[in-house]
Amino acid sequence: MKKIILLAALMLLASCNGMGSDATTPFSSIDEVTTSNININTSETEDNDDMRLVINDREIEVEWENNASVEQLKTLLPLDIQTTLYGGFEQVGHLTQDIISSDSRIETKPGDILLYNQNQITFFFGSNTWSYTPLGRIVNLSNEEITSLLNVTGLTISLLK
């Protein structure tokens, strides 16, 4: 879709510069407009960079998944989530509404951010195996740093635009 919009914009720009000003044909040829020198980034994560995770006033780098659950989660932002320490391996917080899920059996690792039961977000600092929907993963922190950050009571985790 982005390529189509870009192509249309280039064709419009070309017509303003006289390239397609012939009265009989608004654009003399689609071949006149080329995008060969334009770098279009279509990576899976490009649209997921607009959600931020903040824990204890510290912004945490996350690689967000490219899925419908993350897209719907973004529509709820901003969120301040009161979490509860659970099982000695995760923080669990309730979302304001159910969101789309596509659960599968997952063995978690420290740093995993997962959706459970369509309305609970879980932040793992240990391991567990259960059915979850992946949302993202904390990056650039060691397992010890993740544990230190998440293995506390009374935590508020913010998801921001």
N, C-alpha and C. Protein backbone atom coordinates (compact mmCIF):
# COMPACT_ATOMS: atom_id res chain seq x y z
N MET A 1 0.83 -1.19 0.00
CA MET A 1 0.00 0.00 0.00
C MET A 1 0.87 1.25 0.00
N LYS A 2 1.98 1.21 0.77
CA LYS A 2 2.87 2.37 0.82
C LYS A 2 3.51 2.62 -0.54
N LYS A 3 3.83 1.53 -1.25
CA LYS A 3 4.44 1.67 -2.57
C LYS A 3 3.47 2.32 -3.54
N ILE A 4 2.19 1.97 -3.46
CA ILE A 4 1.17 2.54 -4.35
C ILE A 4 1.02 4.03 -4.08
N ILE A 5 0.97 4.39 -2.80
CA ILE A 5 0.83 5.81 -2.43
C ILE A 5 2.05 6.59 -2.89
N LEU A 6 3.25 6.00 -2.69
CA LEU A 6 4.47 6.66 -3.12
C LEU A 6 4.50 6.83 -4.63
N LEU A 7 4.09 5.80 -5.35
CA LEU A 7 4.06 5.89 -6.81
C LEU A 7 3.08 6.97 -7.27
N ALA A 8 1.91 7.04 -6.65
CA ALA A 8 0.92 8.07 -7.01
C ALA A 8 1.47 9.46 -6.72
N ALA A 9 2.16 9.61 -5.61
CA ALA A 9 2.74 10.92 -5.26
C ALA A 9 3.81 11.32 -6.25
N LEU A 10 4.64 10.35 -6.67
CA LEU A 10 5.67 10.65 -7.65
C LEU A 10 5.07 11.03 -9.00
N MET A 11 3.99 10.35 -9.38
CA MET A 11 3.34 10.68 -10.65
C MET A 11 2.73 12.07 -10.58
N LEU A 12 2.14 12.44 -9.45
CA LEU A 12 1.57 13.78 -9.29
C LEU A 12 2.67 14.82 -9.35
N LEU A 13 3.79 14.55 -8.68
CA LEU A 13 4.91 15.47 -8.69
C LEU A 13 5.46 15.62 -10.11
N ALA A 14 5.54 14.53 -10.83
CA ALA A 14 6.04 14.57 -12.21
C ALA A 14 5.14 15.43 -13.08
N SER A 15 3.83 15.34 -12.87
CA SER A 15 2.90 16.13 -13.69
C SER A 15 3.03 17.62 -13.38
N CYS A 16 3.36 17.97 -12.14
CA CYS A 16 3.56 19.36 -11.77
C CYS A 16 4.82 19.94 -12.41
N ASN A 17 5.79 19.09 -12.71
CA ASN A 17 7.05 19.53 -13.32
C ASN A 17 6.99 19.52 -14.83
N GLY A 18 5.84 19.26 -15.40
CA GLY A 18 5.68 19.30 -16.84
C GLY A 18 5.96 17.99 -17.54
N MET A 19 6.35 16.95 -16.80
CA MET A 19 6.65 15.67 -17.43
C MET A 19 5.40 15.06 -18.06
N GLY A 20 4.25 15.33 -17.53
CA GLY A 20 3.04 14.74 -18.07
C GLY A 20 2.04 15.80 -18.46
N SER A 21 2.51 16.93 -18.94
CA SER A 21 1.60 18.05 -19.19
C SER A 21 0.93 18.00 -20.55
N ASP A 22 1.19 16.98 -21.34
CA ASP A 22 0.50 16.80 -22.61
C ASP A 22 -1.00 16.73 -22.34
N ALA A 23 -1.79 17.54 -23.04
CA ALA A 23 -3.23 17.63 -22.79
C ALA A 23 -3.95 16.33 -23.08
N THR A 24 -3.40 15.49 -23.96
CA THR A 24 -4.09 14.26 -24.30
C THR A 24 -3.81 13.14 -23.32
N THR A 25 -2.66 13.19 -22.66
CA THR A 25 -2.34 12.14 -21.70
C THR A 25 -1.76 12.78 -20.44
N PRO A 26 -2.45 12.63 -19.33
CA PRO A 26 -1.95 13.25 -18.11
C PRO A 26 -0.56 12.72 -17.72
N PHE A 27 -0.28 11.49 -17.99
CA PHE A 27 1.04 10.90 -17.75
C PHE A 27 1.41 10.16 -19.02
N SER A 28 2.48 10.56 -19.64
CA SER A 28 2.80 9.97 -20.93
C SER A 28 3.13 8.50 -20.82
N SER A 29 3.70 8.07 -19.70
CA SER A 29 3.98 6.64 -19.54
C SER A 29 4.33 6.38 -18.09
N ILE A 30 3.83 5.28 -17.59
CA ILE A 30 4.16 4.91 -16.21
C ILE A 30 5.66 4.66 -16.08
N ASP A 31 6.33 4.32 -17.21
CA ASP A 31 7.77 4.06 -17.17
C ASP A 31 8.57 5.32 -16.90
N GLU A 32 7.98 6.50 -17.15
CA GLU A 32 8.70 7.73 -16.88
C GLU A 32 8.89 7.96 -15.39
N VAL A 33 8.03 7.41 -14.59
CA VAL A 33 8.13 7.58 -13.15
C VAL A 33 8.76 6.32 -12.59
N THR A 34 9.91 6.48 -11.98
CA THR A 34 10.60 5.30 -11.46
C THR A 34 10.88 5.48 -9.97
N THR A 35 10.87 4.38 -9.28
CA THR A 35 11.20 4.41 -7.86
C THR A 35 12.48 3.64 -7.59
N SER A 36 13.29 3.43 -8.63
CA SER A 36 14.48 2.59 -8.46
C SER A 36 15.49 3.19 -7.50
N ASN A 37 15.51 4.50 -7.34
CA ASN A 37 16.47 5.12 -6.43
C ASN A 37 15.86 5.46 -5.07
N ILE A 38 14.67 4.98 -4.82
CA ILE A 38 14.01 5.26 -3.56
C ILE A 38 14.04 4.02 -2.69
N ASN A 39 14.51 4.16 -1.47
CA ASN A 39 14.57 3.03 -0.54
C ASN A 39 13.29 3.01 0.28
N ILE A 40 12.47 2.00 0.07
CA ILE A 40 11.22 1.86 0.81
C ILE A 40 11.41 0.79 1.85
N ASN A 41 11.31 1.15 3.12
CA ASN A 41 11.50 0.20 4.22
C ASN A 41 10.18 -0.51 4.50
N THR A 42 10.17 -1.79 4.25
CA THR A 42 8.95 -2.56 4.49
C THR A 42 9.19 -3.65 5.52
N SER A 43 10.10 -3.41 6.46
CA SER A 43 10.37 -4.43 7.47
C SER A 43 9.16 -4.64 8.36
N GLU A 44 9.09 -5.82 8.95
CA GLU A 44 7.92 -6.18 9.76
C GLU A 44 7.77 -5.33 11.00
N THR A 45 8.86 -4.76 11.49
CA THR A 45 8.79 -4.05 12.77
C THR A 45 8.62 -2.55 12.62
N GLU A 46 8.61 -2.04 11.38
CA GLU A 46 8.59 -0.59 11.22
C GLU A 46 7.38 0.07 11.86
N ASP A 47 6.22 -0.56 11.86
CA ASP A 47 5.03 0.05 12.43
C ASP A 47 4.91 -0.21 13.92
N ASN A 48 5.82 -1.00 14.48
CA ASN A 48 5.72 -1.35 15.89
C ASN A 48 6.67 -0.53 16.75
N ASP A 49 7.33 0.46 16.16
CA ASP A 49 8.25 1.29 16.92
C ASP A 49 7.52 2.39 17.67
N ASP A 50 6.23 2.52 17.51
CA ASP A 50 5.51 3.62 18.13
C ASP A 50 4.84 3.23 19.45
N MET A 51 5.31 2.16 20.09
CA MET A 51 4.83 1.80 21.43
C MET A 51 6.06 1.65 22.31
N ARG A 52 6.01 2.32 23.46
CA ARG A 52 7.15 2.32 24.38
C ARG A 52 6.77 1.66 25.69
N LEU A 53 7.73 0.99 26.30
CA LEU A 53 7.56 0.34 27.59
C LEU A 53 8.38 1.11 28.62
N VAL A 54 7.73 1.50 29.73
CA VAL A 54 8.41 2.22 30.81
C VAL A 54 8.15 1.48 32.11
N ILE A 55 9.24 1.11 32.78
CA ILE A 55 9.17 0.44 34.07
C ILE A 55 10.02 1.23 35.05
N ASN A 56 9.43 1.63 36.18
CA ASN A 56 10.15 2.41 37.20
C ASN A 56 10.84 3.63 36.60
N ASP A 57 10.10 4.39 35.78
CA ASP A 57 10.61 5.60 35.13
C ASP A 57 11.78 5.34 34.18
N ARG A 58 11.95 4.12 33.77
CA ARG A 58 13.03 3.75 32.86
C ARG A 58 12.43 3.19 31.58
N GLU A 59 12.77 3.81 30.44
CA GLU A 59 12.28 3.28 29.18
C GLU A 59 13.08 2.04 28.82
N ILE A 60 12.36 0.98 28.49
CA ILE A 60 12.96 -0.32 28.21
C ILE A 60 12.81 -0.61 26.73
N GLU A 61 13.89 -1.03 26.09
CA GLU A 61 13.83 -1.34 24.66
C GLU A 61 13.13 -2.68 24.45
N VAL A 62 12.18 -2.68 23.52
CA VAL A 62 11.38 -3.88 23.24
C VAL A 62 11.32 -4.09 21.73
N GLU A 63 11.43 -5.34 21.32
CA GLU A 63 11.12 -5.72 19.94
C GLU A 63 9.68 -6.23 19.97
N TRP A 64 8.76 -5.42 19.45
CA TRP A 64 7.35 -5.78 19.44
C TRP A 64 7.07 -6.72 18.28
N GLU A 65 6.16 -7.64 18.49
CA GLU A 65 5.72 -8.55 17.44
C GLU A 65 4.91 -7.78 16.40
N ASN A 66 4.86 -8.32 15.21
CA ASN A 66 4.03 -7.76 14.15
C ASN A 66 2.79 -8.64 14.03
N ASN A 67 1.81 -8.39 14.89
CA ASN A 67 0.59 -9.20 14.86
C ASN A 67 -0.62 -8.36 15.26
N ALA A 68 -1.79 -8.92 15.10
CA ALA A 68 -3.05 -8.20 15.37
C ALA A 68 -3.18 -7.83 16.85
N SER A 69 -2.63 -8.64 17.73
CA SER A 69 -2.72 -8.35 19.16
C SER A 69 -1.97 -7.06 19.51
N VAL A 70 -0.77 -6.91 18.97
CA VAL A 70 0.02 -5.70 19.22
C VAL A 70 -0.68 -4.49 18.61
N GLU A 71 -1.20 -4.65 17.40
CA GLU A 71 -1.91 -3.54 16.76
C GLU A 71 -3.11 -3.09 17.60
N GLN A 72 -3.86 -4.04 18.13
CA GLN A 72 -5.01 -3.67 18.95
C GLN A 72 -4.56 -3.09 20.29
N LEU A 73 -3.49 -3.61 20.86
CA LEU A 73 -2.96 -3.07 22.11
C LEU A 73 -2.60 -1.60 21.96
N LYS A 74 -2.04 -1.23 20.82
CA LYS A 74 -1.67 0.16 20.56
C LYS A 74 -2.88 1.09 20.63
N THR A 75 -4.06 0.58 20.28
CA THR A 75 -5.26 1.43 20.30
C THR A 75 -5.68 1.77 21.72
N LEU A 76 -5.16 1.07 22.72
CA LEU A 76 -5.51 1.31 24.12
C LEU A 76 -4.57 2.29 24.80
N LEU A 77 -3.50 2.69 24.12
CA LEU A 77 -2.47 3.54 24.73
C LEU A 77 -2.98 4.94 24.98
N PRO A 78 -2.47 5.58 26.02
CA PRO A 78 -1.48 5.11 26.99
C PRO A 78 -2.12 4.25 28.08
N LEU A 79 -1.32 3.32 28.62
CA LEU A 79 -1.78 2.44 29.69
C LEU A 79 -0.80 2.45 30.85
N ASP A 80 -1.32 2.59 32.05
CA ASP A 80 -0.55 2.35 33.28
C ASP A 80 -1.12 1.09 33.87
N ILE A 81 -0.30 0.04 33.94
CA ILE A 81 -0.77 -1.28 34.33
C ILE A 81 -0.21 -1.63 35.70
N GLN A 82 -1.10 -1.81 36.68
CA GLN A 82 -0.68 -2.28 37.99
C GLN A 82 -0.49 -3.79 37.88
N THR A 83 0.70 -4.27 38.18
CA THR A 83 0.97 -5.69 38.02
C THR A 83 1.10 -6.38 39.37
N THR A 84 0.96 -7.69 39.32
CA THR A 84 1.09 -8.55 40.50
C THR A 84 2.17 -9.58 40.20
N LEU A 85 3.05 -9.74 41.16
CA LEU A 85 4.07 -10.78 41.07
C LEU A 85 3.38 -12.13 41.16
N TYR A 86 3.66 -13.02 40.22
CA TYR A 86 2.97 -14.31 40.19
C TYR A 86 3.96 -15.44 39.92
N GLY A 87 3.90 -16.46 40.74
CA GLY A 87 4.63 -17.70 40.52
C GLY A 87 6.14 -17.61 40.64
N GLY A 88 6.66 -16.47 41.01
CA GLY A 88 8.10 -16.32 41.11
C GLY A 88 8.80 -16.23 39.77
N PHE A 89 8.03 -15.97 38.68
CA PHE A 89 8.66 -15.89 37.36
C PHE A 89 8.03 -14.85 36.44
N GLU A 90 7.00 -14.13 36.90
CA GLU A 90 6.34 -13.16 36.00
C GLU A 90 5.60 -12.09 36.78
N GLN A 91 5.37 -10.97 36.08
CA GLN A 91 4.47 -9.92 36.52
C GLN A 91 3.25 -10.01 35.63
N VAL A 92 2.06 -9.92 36.22
CA VAL A 92 0.82 -10.02 35.46
C VAL A 92 -0.02 -8.77 35.72
N GLY A 93 -0.54 -8.19 34.64
CA GLY A 93 -1.41 -7.03 34.77
C GLY A 93 -2.62 -7.17 33.87
N HIS A 94 -3.73 -6.58 34.30
CA HIS A 94 -4.98 -6.65 33.53
C HIS A 94 -5.08 -5.48 32.57
N LEU A 95 -5.51 -5.78 31.35
CA LEU A 95 -5.77 -4.75 30.36
C LEU A 95 -7.18 -4.20 30.55
N THR A 96 -7.47 -3.09 29.96
CA THR A 96 -8.78 -2.45 30.11
C THR A 96 -9.87 -3.15 29.32
N GLN A 97 -9.48 -4.02 28.38
CA GLN A 97 -10.45 -4.79 27.60
C GLN A 97 -9.75 -5.99 27.00
N ASP A 98 -10.54 -6.95 26.52
CA ASP A 98 -9.99 -8.10 25.82
C ASP A 98 -9.42 -7.63 24.49
N ILE A 99 -8.32 -8.27 24.07
CA ILE A 99 -7.80 -8.01 22.74
C ILE A 99 -7.62 -9.34 22.01
N ILE A 100 -7.45 -9.24 20.72
CA ILE A 100 -7.31 -10.41 19.85
C ILE A 100 -6.15 -11.27 20.35
N SER A 101 -6.36 -12.58 20.32
CA SER A 101 -5.27 -13.47 20.70
C SER A 101 -5.13 -14.59 19.67
N SER A 102 -3.95 -15.16 19.65
CA SER A 102 -3.68 -16.33 18.83
C SER A 102 -2.73 -17.21 19.63
N ASP A 103 -3.27 -17.76 20.70
CA ASP A 103 -2.48 -18.53 21.66
C ASP A 103 -1.86 -19.77 21.04
N SER A 104 -0.66 -20.06 21.51
CA SER A 104 0.01 -21.32 21.22
C SER A 104 0.89 -21.65 22.42
N ARG A 105 1.22 -22.89 22.55
CA ARG A 105 2.03 -23.34 23.68
C ARG A 105 3.45 -22.79 23.53
N ILE A 106 3.88 -22.06 24.54
CA ILE A 106 5.17 -21.37 24.50
C ILE A 106 5.93 -21.66 25.78
N GLU A 107 7.23 -21.90 25.65
CA GLU A 107 8.11 -21.94 26.82
C GLU A 107 8.73 -20.55 26.93
N THR A 108 8.42 -19.85 28.00
CA THR A 108 8.85 -18.47 28.14
C THR A 108 10.32 -18.39 28.55
N LYS A 109 10.87 -17.21 28.28
CA LYS A 109 12.23 -16.87 28.69
C LYS A 109 12.19 -15.49 29.33
N PRO A 110 13.18 -15.17 30.15
CA PRO A 110 13.23 -13.81 30.72
C PRO A 110 13.19 -12.76 29.61
N GLY A 111 12.32 -11.77 29.80
CA GLY A 111 12.16 -10.70 28.83
C GLY A 111 10.95 -10.85 27.93
N ASP A 112 10.34 -12.03 27.91
CA ASP A 112 9.15 -12.22 27.07
C ASP A 112 7.98 -11.40 27.60
N ILE A 113 7.25 -10.79 26.67
CA ILE A 113 6.02 -10.06 26.98
C ILE A 113 4.92 -10.78 26.21
N LEU A 114 3.94 -11.32 26.95
CA LEU A 114 2.94 -12.19 26.34
C LEU A 114 1.54 -11.81 26.79
N LEU A 115 0.57 -12.14 25.95
CA LEU A 115 -0.84 -11.96 26.28
C LEU A 115 -1.37 -13.29 26.79
N TYR A 116 -2.10 -13.22 27.90
CA TYR A 116 -2.72 -14.41 28.47
C TYR A 116 -4.21 -14.16 28.63
N ASN A 117 -5.02 -15.09 28.21
CA ASN A 117 -6.47 -15.04 28.42
C ASN A 117 -7.11 -13.77 27.84
N GLN A 118 -6.56 -13.24 26.77
CA GLN A 118 -7.06 -12.08 26.02
C GLN A 118 -7.06 -10.76 26.78
N ASN A 119 -6.85 -10.76 28.09
CA ASN A 119 -6.94 -9.49 28.81
C ASN A 119 -5.88 -9.33 29.90
N GLN A 120 -4.87 -10.18 29.88
CA GLN A 120 -3.78 -10.05 30.84
C GLN A 120 -2.46 -10.00 30.10
N ILE A 121 -1.64 -9.04 30.48
CA ILE A 121 -0.32 -8.92 29.88
C ILE A 121 0.68 -9.43 30.91
N THR A 122 1.62 -10.24 30.44
CA THR A 122 2.59 -10.85 31.35
C THR A 122 4.00 -10.46 30.93
N PHE A 123 4.81 -10.14 31.92
CA PHE A 123 6.20 -9.75 31.72
C PHE A 123 7.05 -10.77 32.46
N PHE A 124 7.79 -11.58 31.72
CA PHE A 124 8.50 -12.72 32.32
C PHE A 124 9.93 -12.38 32.69
N PHE A 125 10.32 -12.85 33.88
CA PHE A 125 11.73 -12.82 34.28
C PHE A 125 12.22 -14.23 34.58
N GLY A 126 11.36 -15.21 34.35
CA GLY A 126 11.71 -16.62 34.52
C GLY A 126 11.05 -17.44 33.43
N SER A 127 10.96 -18.73 33.66
CA SER A 127 10.42 -19.63 32.63
C SER A 127 9.11 -20.26 33.06
N ASN A 128 8.27 -20.52 32.07
CA ASN A 128 7.01 -21.21 32.25
C ASN A 128 6.59 -21.73 30.88
N THR A 129 5.78 -22.76 30.87
CA THR A 129 5.23 -23.25 29.60
C THR A 129 3.72 -23.24 29.71
N TRP A 130 3.09 -22.51 28.77
CA TRP A 130 1.64 -22.38 28.77
C TRP A 130 1.23 -21.84 27.40
N SER A 131 -0.07 -21.64 27.21
CA SER A 131 -0.57 -21.06 25.96
C SER A 131 -0.68 -19.55 26.09
N TYR A 132 0.07 -18.86 25.24
CA TYR A 132 0.13 -17.39 25.24
C TYR A 132 0.11 -16.90 23.80
N THR A 133 -0.11 -15.59 23.67
CA THR A 133 0.08 -14.89 22.40
C THR A 133 1.29 -13.97 22.56
N PRO A 134 2.30 -14.11 21.73
CA PRO A 134 3.48 -13.25 21.84
C PRO A 134 3.15 -11.79 21.53
N LEU A 135 3.65 -10.89 22.36
CA LEU A 135 3.51 -9.46 22.13
C LEU A 135 4.86 -8.81 21.84
N GLY A 136 5.89 -9.26 22.54
CA GLY A 136 7.21 -8.66 22.34
C GLY A 136 8.23 -9.29 23.25
N ARG A 137 9.43 -8.70 23.20
CA ARG A 137 10.53 -9.20 24.01
C ARG A 137 11.44 -8.05 24.38
N ILE A 138 11.77 -7.95 25.67
CA ILE A 138 12.73 -6.96 26.15
C ILE A 138 14.09 -7.32 25.58
N VAL A 139 14.79 -6.33 25.05
CA VAL A 139 16.11 -6.56 24.47
C VAL A 139 17.15 -5.69 25.16
N ASN A 140 18.38 -6.05 24.98
CA ASN A 140 19.54 -5.31 25.49
C ASN A 140 19.64 -5.26 27.01
N LEU A 141 18.99 -6.19 27.70
CA LEU A 141 19.16 -6.36 29.14
C LEU A 141 19.50 -7.82 29.41
N SER A 142 20.37 -8.06 30.36
CA SER A 142 20.71 -9.43 30.73
C SER A 142 19.56 -10.04 31.52
N ASN A 143 19.56 -11.35 31.66
CA ASN A 143 18.54 -12.02 32.47
C ASN A 143 18.55 -11.49 33.90
N GLU A 144 19.73 -11.20 34.44
CA GLU A 144 19.84 -10.67 35.80
C GLU A 144 19.21 -9.27 35.89
N GLU A 145 19.43 -8.43 34.88
CA GLU A 145 18.84 -7.09 34.88
C GLU A 145 17.32 -7.17 34.77
N ILE A 146 16.83 -8.08 33.93
CA ILE A 146 15.38 -8.26 33.78
C ILE A 146 14.77 -8.73 35.10
N THR A 147 15.43 -9.69 35.76
CA THR A 147 14.94 -10.19 37.05
C THR A 147 14.92 -9.08 38.08
N SER A 148 15.97 -8.30 38.14
CA SER A 148 16.05 -7.19 39.10
C SER A 148 14.95 -6.17 38.85
N LEU A 149 14.65 -5.93 37.61
CA LEU A 149 13.62 -4.96 37.22
C LEU A 149 12.21 -5.45 37.54
N LEU A 150 11.95 -6.75 37.32
CA LEU A 150 10.58 -7.27 37.40
C LEU A 150 10.26 -8.04 38.68
N ASN A 151 11.22 -8.53 39.38
CA ASN A 151 10.95 -9.36 40.56
C ASN A 151 10.77 -8.50 41.80
N VAL A 152 9.74 -7.65 41.76
CA VAL A 152 9.40 -6.75 42.86
C VAL A 152 7.89 -6.71 43.03
N THR A 153 7.41 -6.33 44.19
CA THR A 153 5.98 -6.19 44.41
C THR A 153 5.55 -4.74 44.15
N GLY A 154 4.27 -4.57 43.80
CA GLY A 154 3.71 -3.24 43.62
C GLY A 154 4.26 -2.48 42.42
N LEU A 155 4.44 -3.14 41.32
CA LEU A 155 5.02 -2.55 40.14
C LEU A 155 3.95 -1.92 39.24
N THR A 156 4.23 -0.75 38.71
CA THR A 156 3.40 -0.13 37.69
C THR A 156 4.21 -0.09 36.40
N ILE A 157 3.64 -0.66 35.35
CA ILE A 157 4.30 -0.71 34.05
C ILE A 157 3.47 0.13 33.08
N SER A 158 4.14 1.01 32.35
CA SER A 158 3.43 1.89 31.42
C SER A 158 3.73 1.52 29.98
N LEU A 159 2.70 1.53 29.17
CA LEU A 159 2.82 1.40 27.72
C LEU A 159 2.38 2.73 27.14
N LEU A 160 3.27 3.36 26.39
CA LEU A 160 3.05 4.72 25.89
C LEU A 160 3.25 4.79 24.39
N LYS A 161 2.69 5.84 23.78
CA LYS A 161 2.89 6.07 22.35
C LYS A 161 4.25 6.68 22.13
